[in-house]
Amino acid sequence: MPKLKLGPILDDRPVKLSVELPAELHRDLVAYAEALSRETGQQVEPTKLVAPMLARFLASDRGFRSARRPAPRSRGPQAQSARDP
């Protein structure tokens, strides 16, 4: 079996969030939890997968990372004139 992208699920202080999932996505989430449980030997509830999956998705999204970076600060006229010939 291929290595799953998620590892053991850490127990962290949660923030409650309610979402509705399409039935097909929920079935996939349940199947993923079963596969992860077999791979890690740790029983995993499907609902506990949502946060680490979202975190991994956000961490791997280059567009999101670059959008979150602060805009470069202006150097002012002195720094500009030093670069101009």
PDB file of N, CA and C in Angstrom:
ATOM      1  N   MET A   1       0.850  -1.178   0.000  1.00  0.00           N
ATOM      2  CA  MET A   1       0.000   0.000   0.000  1.00  0.00           C
ATOM      3  C   MET A   1       0.895   1.241   0.000  1.00  0.00           C
ATOM      4  N   PRO A   2       0.536   2.252  -0.794  1.00  0.00           N
ATOM      5  CA  PRO A   2       1.344   3.477  -0.816  1.00  0.00           C
ATOM      6  C   PRO A   2       1.277   4.217   0.514  1.00  0.00           C
ATOM      7  N   LYS A   3       2.314   4.974   0.778  1.00  0.00           N
ATOM      8  CA  LYS A   3       2.392   5.775   2.011  1.00  0.00           C
ATOM      9  C   LYS A   3       1.360   6.898   1.953  1.00  0.00           C
ATOM     10  N   LEU A   4       0.572   7.048   2.996  1.00  0.00           N
ATOM     11  CA  LEU A   4      -0.425   8.118   3.057  1.00  0.00           C
ATOM     12  C   LEU A   4       0.255   9.435   3.397  1.00  0.00           C
ATOM     13  N   LYS A   5      -0.349  10.541   2.967  1.00  0.00           N
ATOM     14  CA  LYS A   5       0.238  11.862   3.204  1.00  0.00           C
ATOM     15  C   LYS A   5       0.131  12.292   4.659  1.00  0.00           C
ATOM     16  N   LEU A   6      -0.893  11.812   5.361  1.00  0.00           N
ATOM     17  CA  LEU A   6      -1.060  12.185   6.766  1.00  0.00           C
ATOM     18  C   LEU A   6      -0.414  11.131   7.648  1.00  0.00           C
ATOM     19  N   GLY A   7       0.174  11.593   8.723  1.00  0.00           N
ATOM     20  CA  GLY A   7       0.736  10.690   9.720  1.00  0.00           C
ATOM     21  C   GLY A   7      -0.185  10.630  10.915  1.00  0.00           C
ATOM     22  N   PRO A   8       0.344  10.271  12.078  1.00  0.00           N
ATOM     23  CA  PRO A   8      -0.480  10.232  13.284  1.00  0.00           C
ATOM     24  C   PRO A   8      -1.128  11.597  13.554  1.00  0.00           C
ATOM     25  N   ILE A   9      -2.349  11.563  14.040  1.00  0.00           N
ATOM     26  CA  ILE A   9      -3.107  12.777  14.316  1.00  0.00           C
ATOM     27  C   ILE A   9      -2.803  13.235  15.737  1.00  0.00           C
ATOM     28  N   LEU A  10      -2.318  14.468  15.856  1.00  0.00           N
ATOM     29  CA  LEU A  10      -1.999  15.023  17.176  1.00  0.00           C
ATOM     30  C   LEU A  10      -3.264  15.527  17.842  1.00  0.00           C
ATOM     31  N   ASP A  11      -3.328  15.367  19.148  1.00  0.00           N
ATOM     32  CA  ASP A  11      -4.453  15.875  19.913  1.00  0.00           C
ATOM     33  C   ASP A  11      -4.150  17.323  20.269  1.00  0.00           C
ATOM     34  N   ASP A  12      -4.957  18.232  19.783  1.00  0.00           N
ATOM     35  CA  ASP A  12      -4.719  19.657  19.989  1.00  0.00           C
ATOM     36  C   ASP A  12      -6.020  20.304  20.453  1.00  0.00           C
ATOM     37  N   ARG A  13      -5.917  21.465  21.055  1.00  0.00           N
ATOM     38  CA  ARG A  13      -7.104  22.183  21.518  1.00  0.00           C
ATOM     39  C   ARG A  13      -7.918  22.620  20.299  1.00  0.00           C
ATOM     40  N   PRO A  14      -9.123  22.107  20.131  1.00  0.00           N
ATOM     41  CA  PRO A  14      -9.897  22.385  18.926  1.00  0.00           C
ATOM     42  C   PRO A  14     -10.697  23.682  18.981  1.00  0.00           C
ATOM     43  N   VAL A  15     -11.047  24.136  17.807  1.00  0.00           N
ATOM     44  CA  VAL A  15     -12.007  25.222  17.620  1.00  0.00           C
ATOM     45  C   VAL A  15     -13.181  24.588  16.891  1.00  0.00           C
ATOM     46  N   LYS A  16     -14.364  24.750  17.410  1.00  0.00           N
ATOM     47  CA  LYS A  16     -15.522  24.089  16.825  1.00  0.00           C
ATOM     48  C   LYS A  16     -15.912  24.753  15.513  1.00  0.00           C
ATOM     49  N   LEU A  17     -16.140  23.920  14.512  1.00  0.00           N
ATOM     50  CA  LEU A  17     -16.515  24.384  13.191  1.00  0.00           C
ATOM     51  C   LEU A  17     -17.499  23.378  12.622  1.00  0.00           C
ATOM     52  N   SER A  18     -18.600  23.847  12.086  1.00  0.00           N
ATOM     53  CA  SER A  18     -19.587  22.948  11.481  1.00  0.00           C
ATOM     54  C   SER A  18     -19.566  23.133   9.976  1.00  0.00           C
ATOM     55  N   VAL A  19     -19.478  22.023   9.265  1.00  0.00           N
ATOM     56  CA  VAL A  19     -19.495  22.056   7.802  1.00  0.00           C
ATOM     57  C   VAL A  19     -20.390  20.941   7.282  1.00  0.00           C
ATOM     58  N   GLU A  20     -20.901  21.127   6.092  1.00  0.00           N
ATOM     59  CA  GLU A  20     -21.650  20.073   5.412  1.00  0.00           C
ATOM     60  C   GLU A  20     -20.769  19.544   4.301  1.00  0.00           C
ATOM     61  N   LEU A  21     -20.655  18.226   4.232  1.00  0.00           N
ATOM     62  CA  LEU A  21     -19.849  17.589   3.199  1.00  0.00           C
ATOM     63  C   LEU A  21     -20.753  16.822   2.250  1.00  0.00           C
ATOM     64  N   PRO A  22     -20.403  16.784   0.980  1.00  0.00           N
ATOM     65  CA  PRO A  22     -21.126  15.893   0.071  1.00  0.00           C
ATOM     66  C   PRO A  22     -20.941  14.443   0.545  1.00  0.00           C
ATOM     67  N   ALA A  23     -21.943  13.615   0.322  1.00  0.00           N
ATOM     68  CA  ALA A  23     -21.902  12.225   0.789  1.00  0.00           C
ATOM     69  C   ALA A  23     -20.675  11.493   0.247  1.00  0.00           C
ATOM     70  N   GLU A  24     -20.320  11.706  -1.004  1.00  0.00           N
ATOM     71  CA  GLU A  24     -19.166  11.023  -1.590  1.00  0.00           C
ATOM     72  C   GLU A  24     -17.875  11.413  -0.882  1.00  0.00           C
ATOM     73  N   LEU A  25     -17.727  12.695  -0.553  1.00  0.00           N
ATOM     74  CA  LEU A  25     -16.541  13.144   0.166  1.00  0.00           C
ATOM     75  C   LEU A  25     -16.494  12.523   1.562  1.00  0.00           C
ATOM     76  N   HIS A  26     -17.640  12.428   2.215  1.00  0.00           N
ATOM     77  CA  HIS A  26     -17.684  11.810   3.542  1.00  0.00           C
ATOM     78  C   HIS A  26     -17.273  10.345   3.470  1.00  0.00           C
ATOM     79  N   ARG A  27     -17.754   9.629   2.464  1.00  0.00           N
ATOM     80  CA  ARG A  27     -17.355   8.218   2.298  1.00  0.00           C
ATOM     81  C   ARG A  27     -15.847   8.106   2.100  1.00  0.00           C
ATOM     82  N   ASP A  28     -15.285   9.020   1.302  1.00  0.00           N
ATOM     83  CA  ASP A  28     -13.833   9.011   1.098  1.00  0.00           C
ATOM     84  C   ASP A  28     -13.088   9.311   2.391  1.00  0.00           C
ATOM     85  N   LEU A  29     -13.612  10.218   3.179  1.00  0.00           N
ATOM     86  CA  LEU A  29     -12.991  10.563   4.460  1.00  0.00           C
ATOM     87  C   LEU A  29     -13.002   9.357   5.402  1.00  0.00           C
ATOM     88  N   VAL A  30     -14.114   8.634   5.435  1.00  0.00           N
ATOM     89  CA  VAL A  30     -14.229   7.429   6.261  1.00  0.00           C
ATOM     90  C   VAL A  30     -13.226   6.379   5.778  1.00  0.00           C
ATOM     91  N   ALA A  31     -13.140   6.191   4.461  1.00  0.00           N
ATOM     92  CA  ALA A  31     -12.196   5.214   3.904  1.00  0.00           C
ATOM     93  C   ALA A  31     -10.757   5.611   4.218  1.00  0.00           C
ATOM     94  N   TYR A  32     -10.455   6.902   4.143  1.00  0.00           N
ATOM     95  CA  TYR A  32      -9.097   7.373   4.463  1.00  0.00           C
ATOM     96  C   TYR A  32      -8.787   7.108   5.933  1.00  0.00           C
ATOM     97  N   ALA A  33      -9.749   7.369   6.803  1.00  0.00           N
ATOM     98  CA  ALA A  33      -9.542   7.124   8.237  1.00  0.00           C
ATOM     99  C   ALA A  33      -9.269   5.648   8.494  1.00  0.00           C
ATOM    100  N   GLU A  34      -9.977   4.778   7.791  1.00  0.00           N
ATOM    101  CA  GLU A  34      -9.743   3.337   7.950  1.00  0.00           C
ATOM    102  C   GLU A  34      -8.335   2.968   7.473  1.00  0.00           C
ATOM    103  N   ALA A  35      -7.927   3.502   6.325  1.00  0.00           N
ATOM    104  CA  ALA A  35      -6.589   3.205   5.792  1.00  0.00           C
ATOM    105  C   ALA A  35      -5.513   3.738   6.734  1.00  0.00           C
ATOM    106  N   LEU A  36      -5.704   4.941   7.249  1.00  0.00           N
ATOM    107  CA  LEU A  36      -4.731   5.530   8.172  1.00  0.00           C
ATOM    108  C   LEU A  36      -4.659   4.729   9.467  1.00  0.00           C
ATOM    109  N   SER A  37      -5.796   4.255   9.939  1.00  0.00           N
ATOM    110  CA  SER A  37      -5.822   3.435  11.149  1.00  0.00           C
ATOM    111  C   SER A  37      -5.023   2.150  10.946  1.00  0.00           C
ATOM    112  N   ARG A  38      -5.175   1.533   9.771  1.00  0.00           N
ATOM    113  CA  ARG A  38      -4.406   0.313   9.480  1.00  0.00           C
ATOM    114  C   ARG A  38      -2.920   0.621   9.395  1.00  0.00           C
ATOM    115  N   GLU A  39      -2.559   1.760   8.787  1.00  0.00           N
ATOM    116  CA  GLU A  39      -1.147   2.098   8.588  1.00  0.00           C
ATOM    117  C   GLU A  39      -0.451   2.478   9.889  1.00  0.00           C
ATOM    118  N   THR A  40      -1.139   3.237  10.739  1.00  0.00           N
ATOM    119  CA  THR A  40      -0.503   3.737  11.961  1.00  0.00           C
ATOM    120  C   THR A  40      -0.797   2.891  13.192  1.00  0.00           C
ATOM    121  N   GLY A  41      -1.826   2.045  13.111  1.00  0.00           N
ATOM    122  CA  GLY A  41      -2.224   1.267  14.288  1.00  0.00           C
ATOM    123  C   GLY A  41      -2.972   2.106  15.300  1.00  0.00           C
ATOM    124  N   GLN A  42      -3.321   3.321  14.937  1.00  0.00           N
ATOM    125  CA  GLN A  42      -4.029   4.254  15.821  1.00  0.00           C
ATOM    126  C   GLN A  42      -5.440   4.440  15.259  1.00  0.00           C
ATOM    127  N   GLN A  43      -6.462   4.175  16.086  1.00  0.00           N
ATOM    128  CA  GLN A  43      -7.838   4.373  15.634  1.00  0.00           C
ATOM    129  C   GLN A  43      -8.085   5.860  15.402  1.00  0.00           C
ATOM    130  N   VAL A  44      -8.559   6.213  14.219  1.00  0.00           N
ATOM    131  CA  VAL A  44      -8.747   7.618  13.854  1.00  0.00           C
ATOM    132  C   VAL A  44     -10.194   7.855  13.455  1.00  0.00           C
ATOM    133  N   GLU A  45     -10.806   8.852  14.060  1.00  0.00           N
ATOM    134  CA  GLU A  45     -12.148   9.258  13.671  1.00  0.00           C
ATOM    135  C   GLU A  45     -12.049  10.107  12.402  1.00  0.00           C
ATOM    136  N   PRO A  46     -12.920   9.897  11.440  1.00  0.00           N
ATOM    137  CA  PRO A  46     -12.869  10.682  10.199  1.00  0.00           C
ATOM    138  C   PRO A  46     -12.906  12.190  10.436  1.00  0.00           C
ATOM    139  N   THR A  47     -13.641  12.632  11.444  1.00  0.00           N
ATOM    140  CA  THR A  47     -13.727  14.071  11.703  1.00  0.00           C
ATOM    141  C   THR A  47     -12.381  14.662  12.123  1.00  0.00           C
ATOM    142  N   LYS A  48     -11.510  13.829  12.700  1.00  0.00           N
ATOM    143  CA  LYS A  48     -10.190  14.309  13.125  1.00  0.00           C
ATOM    144  C   LYS A  48      -9.241  14.504  11.949  1.00  0.00           C
ATOM    145  N   LEU A  49      -9.627  14.041  10.764  1.00  0.00           N
ATOM    146  CA  LEU A  49      -8.772  14.175   9.590  1.00  0.00           C
ATOM    147  C   LEU A  49      -8.905  15.527   8.903  1.00  0.00           C
ATOM    148  N   VAL A  50     -10.030  16.177   9.093  1.00  0.00           N
ATOM    149  CA  VAL A  50     -10.317  17.401   8.342  1.00  0.00           C
ATOM    150  C   VAL A  50      -9.267  18.478   8.603  1.00  0.00           C
ATOM    151  N   ALA A  51      -8.952  18.737   9.851  1.00  0.00           N
ATOM    152  CA  ALA A  51      -7.990  19.806  10.169  1.00  0.00           C
ATOM    153  C   ALA A  51      -6.595  19.523   9.609  1.00  0.00           C
ATOM    154  N   PRO A  52      -6.019  18.324   9.833  1.00  0.00           N
ATOM    155  CA  PRO A  52      -4.688  18.103   9.264  1.00  0.00           C
ATOM    156  C   PRO A  52      -4.687  18.092   7.733  1.00  0.00           C
ATOM    157  N   MET A  53      -5.776  17.643   7.129  1.00  0.00           N
ATOM    158  CA  MET A  53      -5.851  17.664   5.667  1.00  0.00           C
ATOM    159  C   MET A  53      -5.889  19.098   5.153  1.00  0.00           C
ATOM    160  N   LEU A  54      -6.682  19.934   5.798  1.00  0.00           N
ATOM    161  CA  LEU A  54      -6.735  21.347   5.403  1.00  0.00           C
ATOM    162  C   LEU A  54      -5.386  22.024   5.627  1.00  0.00           C
ATOM    163  N   ALA A  55      -4.747  21.734   6.755  1.00  0.00           N
ATOM    164  CA  ALA A  55      -3.448  22.338   7.047  1.00  0.00           C
ATOM    165  C   ALA A  55      -2.421  21.929   5.999  1.00  0.00           C
ATOM    166  N   ARG A  56      -2.432  20.665   5.616  1.00  0.00           N
ATOM    167  CA  ARG A  56      -1.478  20.188   4.608  1.00  0.00           C
ATOM    168  C   ARG A  56      -1.761  20.828   3.255  1.00  0.00           C
ATOM    169  N   PHE A  57      -3.031  20.940   2.925  1.00  0.00           N
ATOM    170  CA  PHE A  57      -3.407  21.580   1.670  1.00  0.00           C
ATOM    171  C   PHE A  57      -2.929  23.035   1.642  1.00  0.00           C
ATOM    172  N   LEU A  58      -3.200  23.778   2.704  1.00  0.00           N
ATOM    173  CA  LEU A  58      -2.800  25.184   2.749  1.00  0.00           C
ATOM    174  C   LEU A  58      -1.282  25.333   2.717  1.00  0.00           C
ATOM    175  N   ALA A  59      -0.579  24.450   3.406  1.00  0.00           N
ATOM    176  CA  ALA A  59       0.880  24.525   3.431  1.00  0.00           C
ATOM    177  C   ALA A  59       1.487  24.234   2.064  1.00  0.00           C
ATOM    178  N   SER A  60       0.786  23.452   1.242  1.00  0.00           N
ATOM    179  CA  SER A  60       1.334  23.087  -0.062  1.00  0.00           C
ATOM    180  C   SER A  60       0.867  24.003  -1.185  1.00  0.00           C
ATOM    181  N   ASP A  61       0.024  24.976  -0.881  1.00  0.00           N
ATOM    182  CA  ASP A  61      -0.507  25.882  -1.898  1.00  0.00           C
ATOM    183  C   ASP A  61       0.408  27.094  -2.029  1.00  0.00           C
ATOM    184  N   ARG A  62       1.228  27.101  -3.078  1.00  0.00           N
ATOM    185  CA  ARG A  62       2.204  28.184  -3.271  1.00  0.00           C
ATOM    186  C   ARG A  62       1.532  29.542  -3.435  1.00  0.00           C
ATOM    187  N   GLY A  63       0.427  29.573  -4.146  1.00  0.00           N
ATOM    188  CA  GLY A  63      -0.289  30.834  -4.342  1.00  0.00           C
ATOM    189  C   GLY A  63      -0.760  31.420  -3.026  1.00  0.00           C
ATOM    190  N   PHE A  64      -1.258  30.559  -2.148  1.00  0.00           N
ATOM    191  CA  PHE A  64      -1.716  31.015  -0.839  1.00  0.00           C
ATOM    192  C   PHE A  64      -0.545  31.529  -0.008  1.00  0.00           C
ATOM    193  N   ARG A  65       0.575  30.781  -0.023  1.00  0.00           N
ATOM    194  CA  ARG A  65       1.748  31.213   0.747  1.00  0.00           C
ATOM    195  C   ARG A  65       2.246  32.561   0.267  1.00  0.00           C
ATOM    196  N   SER A  66       2.317  32.762  -1.049  1.00  0.00           N
ATOM    197  CA  SER A  66       2.833  34.039  -1.543  1.00  0.00           C
ATOM    198  C   SER A  66       1.844  35.169  -1.271  1.00  0.00           C
ATOM    199  N   ALA A  67       0.550  34.872  -1.270  1.00  0.00           N
ATOM    200  CA  ALA A  67      -0.452  35.899  -0.961  1.00  0.00           C
ATOM    201  C   ALA A  67      -0.390  36.315   0.503  1.00  0.00           C
ATOM    202  N   ARG A  68       0.046  35.431   1.373  1.00  0.00           N
ATOM    203  CA  ARG A  68       0.131  35.745   2.806  1.00  0.00           C
ATOM    204  C   ARG A  68       1.397  36.495   3.169  1.00  0.00           C
ATOM    205  N   ARG A  69       2.392  36.451   2.290  1.00  0.00           N
ATOM    206  CA  ARG A  69       3.639  37.170   2.585  1.00  0.00           C
ATOM    207  C   ARG A  69       3.373  38.671   2.599  1.00  0.00           C
ATOM    208  N   PRO A  70       3.993  39.375   3.516  1.00  0.00           N
ATOM    209  CA  PRO A  70       3.817  40.833   3.521  1.00  0.00           C
ATOM    210  C   PRO A  70       4.432  41.432   2.255  1.00  0.00           C
ATOM    211  N   ALA A  71       3.819  42.500   1.778  1.00  0.00           N
ATOM    212  CA  ALA A  71       4.329  43.181   0.584  1.00  0.00           C
ATOM    213  C   ALA A  71       5.696  43.785   0.902  1.00  0.00           C
ATOM    214  N   PRO A  72       6.602  43.778  -0.068  1.00  0.00           N
ATOM    215  CA  PRO A  72       7.918  44.390   0.175  1.00  0.00           C
ATOM    216  C   PRO A  72       7.763  45.869   0.500  1.00  0.00           C
ATOM    217  N   ARG A  73       8.563  46.322   1.447  1.00  0.00           N
ATOM    218  CA  ARG A  73       8.497  47.731   1.847  1.00  0.00           C
ATOM    219  C   ARG A  73       9.256  48.584   0.859  1.00  0.00           C
ATOM    220  N   SER A  74       8.776  49.774   0.642  1.00  0.00           N
ATOM    221  CA  SER A  74       9.442  50.707  -0.263  1.00  0.00           C
ATOM    222  C   SER A  74      10.754  51.167   0.366  1.00  0.00           C
ATOM    223  N   ARG A  75      11.772  51.264  -0.456  1.00  0.00           N
ATOM    224  CA  ARG A  75      13.086  51.657   0.064  1.00  0.00           C
ATOM    225  C   ARG A  75      13.268  53.170   0.080  1.00  0.00           C
ATOM    226  N   GLY A  76      12.409  53.877  -0.573  1.00  0.00           N
ATOM    227  CA  GLY A  76      12.529  55.333  -0.590  1.00  0.00           C
ATOM    228  C   GLY A  76      13.395  55.799  -1.744  1.00  0.00           C
ATOM    229  N   PRO A  77      13.482  57.108  -1.957  1.00  0.00           N
ATOM    230  CA  PRO A  77      14.198  57.663  -3.106  1.00  0.00           C
ATOM    231  C   PRO A  77      15.708  57.445  -3.055  1.00  0.00           C
ATOM    232  N   GLN A  78      16.333  57.416  -1.885  1.00  0.00           N
ATOM    233  CA  GLN A  78      17.783  57.244  -1.802  1.00  0.00           C
ATOM    234  C   GLN A  78      18.212  55.878  -2.317  1.00  0.00           C
ATOM    235  N   ALA A  79      17.521  54.845  -1.925  1.00  0.00           N
ATOM    236  CA  ALA A  79      17.898  53.506  -2.365  1.00  0.00           C
ATOM    237  C   ALA A  79      17.670  53.353  -3.856  1.00  0.00           C
ATOM    238  N   GLN A  80      16.635  54.009  -4.388  1.00  0.00           N
ATOM    239  CA  GLN A  80      16.363  53.938  -5.803  1.00  0.00           C
ATOM    240  C   GLN A  80      17.446  54.629  -6.599  1.00  0.00           C
ATOM    241  N   SER A  81      17.883  55.811  -6.195  1.00  0.00           N
ATOM    242  CA  SER A  81      18.866  56.571  -6.955  1.00  0.00           C
ATOM    243  C   SER A  81      20.226  55.866  -6.956  1.00  0.00           C
ATOM    244  N   ALA A  82      20.507  55.080  -5.943  1.00  0.00           N
ATOM    245  CA  ALA A  82      21.776  54.354  -5.886  1.00  0.00           C
ATOM    246  C   ALA A  82      21.794  53.268  -6.960  1.00  0.00           C
ATOM    247  N   ARG A  83      20.618  52.745  -7.344  1.00  0.00           N
ATOM    248  CA  ARG A  83      20.577  51.718  -8.358  1.00  0.00           C
ATOM    249  C   ARG A  83      20.538  52.310  -9.764  1.00  0.00           C
ATOM    250  N   ASP A  84      20.017  53.500  -9.900  1.00  0.00           N
ATOM    251  CA  ASP A  84      19.919  54.117 -11.230  1.00  0.00           C
ATOM    252  C   ASP A  84      21.286  54.562 -11.704  1.00  0.00           C
ATOM    253  N   PRO A  85      21.581  54.372 -13.025  1.00  0.00           N
ATOM    254  CA  PRO A  85      22.897  54.788 -13.545  1.00  0.00           C
ATOM    255  C   PRO A  85      23.040  56.273 -13.644  1.00  0.00           C
TER     256      PRO A  85
END
